[in-house]
Amino acid sequence: ILFSHLKVVAKKNNCEVVVVMINEPWSKKYGFKKNFFIKTPAVFSIIFKILNNNLKKEAFTDSSLWHLTWLDSDDL
């Protein structure tokens, strides 16, 4: 379902490339490699600050629990 929606959005917007930033466990879960997504040599990092001391630290240190959205602020 994920890939069919990506294809519809890409065609609607006349995209030449679809870029997804995802961690390794989710990439395997959704089968990105078998659906012809390639791994980039680019290195990304994430910086976060825990603003609520009631939150468990494990939620931030275990990347398999993350669901992130990336916004390219240069385009705003």
N, C-alpha and C. Protein backbone atom coordinates (compact mmCIF):
# COMPACT_ATOMS: atom_id res chain seq x y z
N ILE A 1 0.83 -1.19 0.00
CA ILE A 1 0.00 0.00 0.00
C ILE A 1 0.87 1.25 0.00
N LEU A 2 1.95 1.23 0.82
CA LEU A 2 2.85 2.38 0.91
C LEU A 2 3.41 2.75 -0.47
N PHE A 3 3.89 1.75 -1.20
CA PHE A 3 4.52 2.03 -2.49
C PHE A 3 3.51 2.46 -3.55
N SER A 4 2.30 1.94 -3.48
CA SER A 4 1.29 2.38 -4.45
C SER A 4 0.92 3.85 -4.22
N HIS A 5 0.86 4.27 -2.96
CA HIS A 5 0.58 5.68 -2.66
C HIS A 5 1.74 6.58 -3.07
N LEU A 6 2.97 6.13 -2.81
CA LEU A 6 4.14 6.91 -3.24
C LEU A 6 4.14 7.08 -4.76
N LYS A 7 3.79 6.03 -5.47
CA LYS A 7 3.76 6.09 -6.94
C LYS A 7 2.71 7.09 -7.42
N VAL A 8 1.53 7.08 -6.81
CA VAL A 8 0.46 8.01 -7.19
C VAL A 8 0.89 9.46 -6.95
N VAL A 9 1.46 9.72 -5.78
CA VAL A 9 1.91 11.08 -5.44
C VAL A 9 3.03 11.52 -6.38
N ALA A 10 3.98 10.62 -6.66
CA ALA A 10 5.09 10.96 -7.56
C ALA A 10 4.59 11.29 -8.96
N LYS A 11 3.68 10.51 -9.47
CA LYS A 11 3.14 10.77 -10.82
C LYS A 11 2.34 12.07 -10.85
N LYS A 12 1.54 12.30 -9.80
CA LYS A 12 0.72 13.51 -9.73
C LYS A 12 1.59 14.77 -9.74
N ASN A 13 2.74 14.69 -9.05
CA ASN A 13 3.63 15.84 -8.94
C ASN A 13 4.76 15.82 -9.97
N ASN A 14 4.70 14.88 -10.92
CA ASN A 14 5.70 14.78 -11.98
C ASN A 14 7.12 14.66 -11.41
N CYS A 15 7.27 13.83 -10.38
CA CYS A 15 8.56 13.65 -9.71
C CYS A 15 9.48 12.72 -10.52
N GLU A 16 10.74 13.03 -10.51
CA GLU A 16 11.74 12.16 -11.12
C GLU A 16 12.36 11.24 -10.09
N VAL A 17 12.37 11.66 -8.82
CA VAL A 17 13.00 10.90 -7.75
C VAL A 17 12.14 10.99 -6.50
N VAL A 18 12.02 9.88 -5.80
CA VAL A 18 11.37 9.87 -4.49
C VAL A 18 12.46 9.55 -3.47
N VAL A 19 12.62 10.43 -2.49
CA VAL A 19 13.65 10.26 -1.47
C VAL A 19 12.96 10.00 -0.14
N VAL A 20 13.41 8.96 0.53
CA VAL A 20 12.85 8.59 1.83
C VAL A 20 14.01 8.41 2.80
N MET A 21 13.91 9.04 3.97
CA MET A 21 14.91 8.84 5.01
C MET A 21 14.26 7.94 6.06
N ILE A 22 14.84 6.75 6.24
CA ILE A 22 14.24 5.75 7.12
C ILE A 22 15.35 4.93 7.76
N ASN A 23 15.12 4.45 8.97
CA ASN A 23 16.15 3.66 9.62
C ASN A 23 16.14 2.23 9.09
N GLU A 24 17.21 1.49 9.40
CA GLU A 24 17.39 0.14 8.85
C GLU A 24 16.26 -0.83 9.21
N PRO A 25 15.81 -0.89 10.47
CA PRO A 25 14.72 -1.83 10.77
C PRO A 25 13.44 -1.57 9.98
N TRP A 26 13.07 -0.31 9.82
CA TRP A 26 11.86 0.02 9.06
C TRP A 26 12.07 -0.23 7.57
N SER A 27 13.27 0.02 7.09
CA SER A 27 13.57 -0.25 5.69
C SER A 27 13.37 -1.73 5.37
N LYS A 28 13.86 -2.58 6.27
CA LYS A 28 13.68 -4.03 6.09
C LYS A 28 12.21 -4.41 6.20
N LYS A 29 11.52 -3.84 7.19
CA LYS A 29 10.10 -4.17 7.40
C LYS A 29 9.26 -3.86 6.17
N TYR A 30 9.51 -2.72 5.54
CA TYR A 30 8.72 -2.29 4.39
C TYR A 30 9.31 -2.73 3.05
N GLY A 31 10.44 -3.41 3.07
CA GLY A 31 11.00 -3.96 1.84
C GLY A 31 11.47 -2.92 0.84
N PHE A 32 12.13 -1.87 1.33
CA PHE A 32 12.58 -0.81 0.43
C PHE A 32 13.57 -1.34 -0.61
N LYS A 33 14.49 -2.20 -0.20
CA LYS A 33 15.51 -2.71 -1.13
C LYS A 33 14.86 -3.50 -2.26
N LYS A 34 13.91 -4.36 -1.94
CA LYS A 34 13.27 -5.18 -2.97
C LYS A 34 12.35 -4.35 -3.87
N ASN A 35 12.01 -3.14 -3.43
CA ASN A 35 11.20 -2.23 -4.25
C ASN A 35 12.06 -1.16 -4.92
N PHE A 36 13.33 -1.48 -5.08
CA PHE A 36 14.27 -0.68 -5.87
C PHE A 36 14.66 0.66 -5.27
N PHE A 37 14.52 0.82 -3.96
CA PHE A 37 15.09 1.98 -3.31
C PHE A 37 16.56 1.66 -3.04
N ILE A 38 17.44 2.61 -3.28
CA ILE A 38 18.87 2.36 -3.07
C ILE A 38 19.37 3.18 -1.88
N LYS A 39 20.35 2.63 -1.21
CA LYS A 39 20.93 3.29 -0.05
C LYS A 39 21.90 4.37 -0.52
N THR A 40 21.84 5.53 0.07
CA THR A 40 22.72 6.63 -0.30
C THR A 40 23.98 6.63 0.57
N PRO A 41 25.09 7.08 0.04
CA PRO A 41 26.29 7.20 0.86
C PRO A 41 26.25 8.44 1.77
N ALA A 42 25.22 9.29 1.61
CA ALA A 42 25.11 10.49 2.44
C ALA A 42 24.84 10.09 3.89
N VAL A 43 25.40 10.82 4.81
CA VAL A 43 25.21 10.56 6.23
C VAL A 43 24.33 11.66 6.82
N PHE A 44 23.29 11.26 7.51
CA PHE A 44 22.39 12.20 8.16
C PHE A 44 22.50 12.02 9.66
N SER A 45 22.24 13.07 10.39
CA SER A 45 22.22 12.95 11.85
C SER A 45 20.98 13.65 12.38
N ILE A 46 20.60 13.28 13.56
CA ILE A 46 19.44 13.90 14.19
C ILE A 46 19.88 14.41 15.56
N ILE A 47 19.44 15.60 15.87
CA ILE A 47 19.75 16.21 17.16
C ILE A 47 18.41 16.43 17.86
N PHE A 48 18.30 15.93 19.07
CA PHE A 48 17.06 16.13 19.80
C PHE A 48 17.36 16.50 21.24
N LYS A 49 16.39 17.13 21.85
CA LYS A 49 16.51 17.53 23.26
C LYS A 49 15.25 17.08 23.96
N ILE A 50 15.40 16.37 25.04
CA ILE A 50 14.26 15.92 25.83
C ILE A 50 13.77 17.11 26.66
N LEU A 51 12.56 17.56 26.37
CA LEU A 51 11.99 18.72 27.05
C LEU A 51 11.07 18.33 28.20
N ASN A 52 10.74 17.06 28.26
CA ASN A 52 9.85 16.59 29.31
C ASN A 52 10.54 15.45 30.05
N ASN A 53 10.89 15.67 31.31
CA ASN A 53 11.62 14.66 32.09
C ASN A 53 10.76 13.44 32.43
N ASN A 54 9.46 13.49 32.16
CA ASN A 54 8.59 12.35 32.42
C ASN A 54 8.69 11.29 31.34
N LEU A 55 9.29 11.64 30.20
CA LEU A 55 9.42 10.68 29.10
C LEU A 55 10.56 9.70 29.37
N LYS A 56 10.39 8.49 28.89
CA LYS A 56 11.42 7.48 29.05
C LYS A 56 12.54 7.71 28.04
N LYS A 57 13.77 7.66 28.50
CA LYS A 57 14.93 7.90 27.65
C LYS A 57 15.01 6.86 26.51
N GLU A 58 14.54 5.64 26.75
CA GLU A 58 14.60 4.57 25.75
C GLU A 58 13.84 4.94 24.47
N ALA A 59 12.81 5.74 24.60
CA ALA A 59 12.04 6.15 23.42
C ALA A 59 12.89 6.97 22.45
N PHE A 60 13.93 7.59 22.95
CA PHE A 60 14.80 8.41 22.10
C PHE A 60 16.06 7.68 21.66
N THR A 61 16.49 6.69 22.40
CA THR A 61 17.74 6.02 22.07
C THR A 61 17.55 4.77 21.23
N ASP A 62 16.32 4.25 21.13
CA ASP A 62 16.05 3.06 20.33
C ASP A 62 15.41 3.49 19.01
N SER A 63 16.20 3.54 17.94
CA SER A 63 15.72 4.06 16.66
C SER A 63 14.61 3.22 16.04
N SER A 64 14.46 1.97 16.48
CA SER A 64 13.37 1.15 15.94
C SER A 64 12.00 1.66 16.40
N LEU A 65 11.97 2.52 17.40
CA LEU A 65 10.72 3.10 17.90
C LEU A 65 10.38 4.43 17.24
N TRP A 66 11.28 4.95 16.43
CA TRP A 66 11.10 6.27 15.84
C TRP A 66 10.17 6.25 14.64
N HIS A 67 9.38 7.28 14.52
CA HIS A 67 8.59 7.58 13.32
C HIS A 67 8.86 9.05 13.05
N LEU A 68 9.72 9.33 12.09
CA LEU A 68 10.17 10.70 11.86
C LEU A 68 9.67 11.24 10.53
N THR A 69 9.49 12.52 10.48
CA THR A 69 9.20 13.22 9.24
C THR A 69 10.29 14.28 9.07
N TRP A 70 10.82 14.37 7.87
CA TRP A 70 11.90 15.31 7.61
C TRP A 70 11.34 16.45 6.77
N LEU A 71 11.65 17.67 7.17
CA LEU A 71 11.22 18.86 6.46
C LEU A 71 12.44 19.60 5.99
N ASP A 72 12.52 19.84 4.69
CA ASP A 72 13.63 20.61 4.14
C ASP A 72 13.25 22.08 4.24
N SER A 73 13.74 22.75 5.27
CA SER A 73 13.33 24.12 5.55
C SER A 73 13.86 25.13 4.53
N ASP A 74 14.80 24.73 3.68
CA ASP A 74 15.30 25.65 2.66
C ASP A 74 14.24 25.96 1.61
N ASP A 75 13.21 25.09 1.53
CA ASP A 75 12.18 25.28 0.51
C ASP A 75 10.98 26.08 1.01
N LEU A 76 11.01 26.51 2.26
CA LEU A 76 9.84 27.22 2.82
C LEU A 76 9.85 28.67 2.42
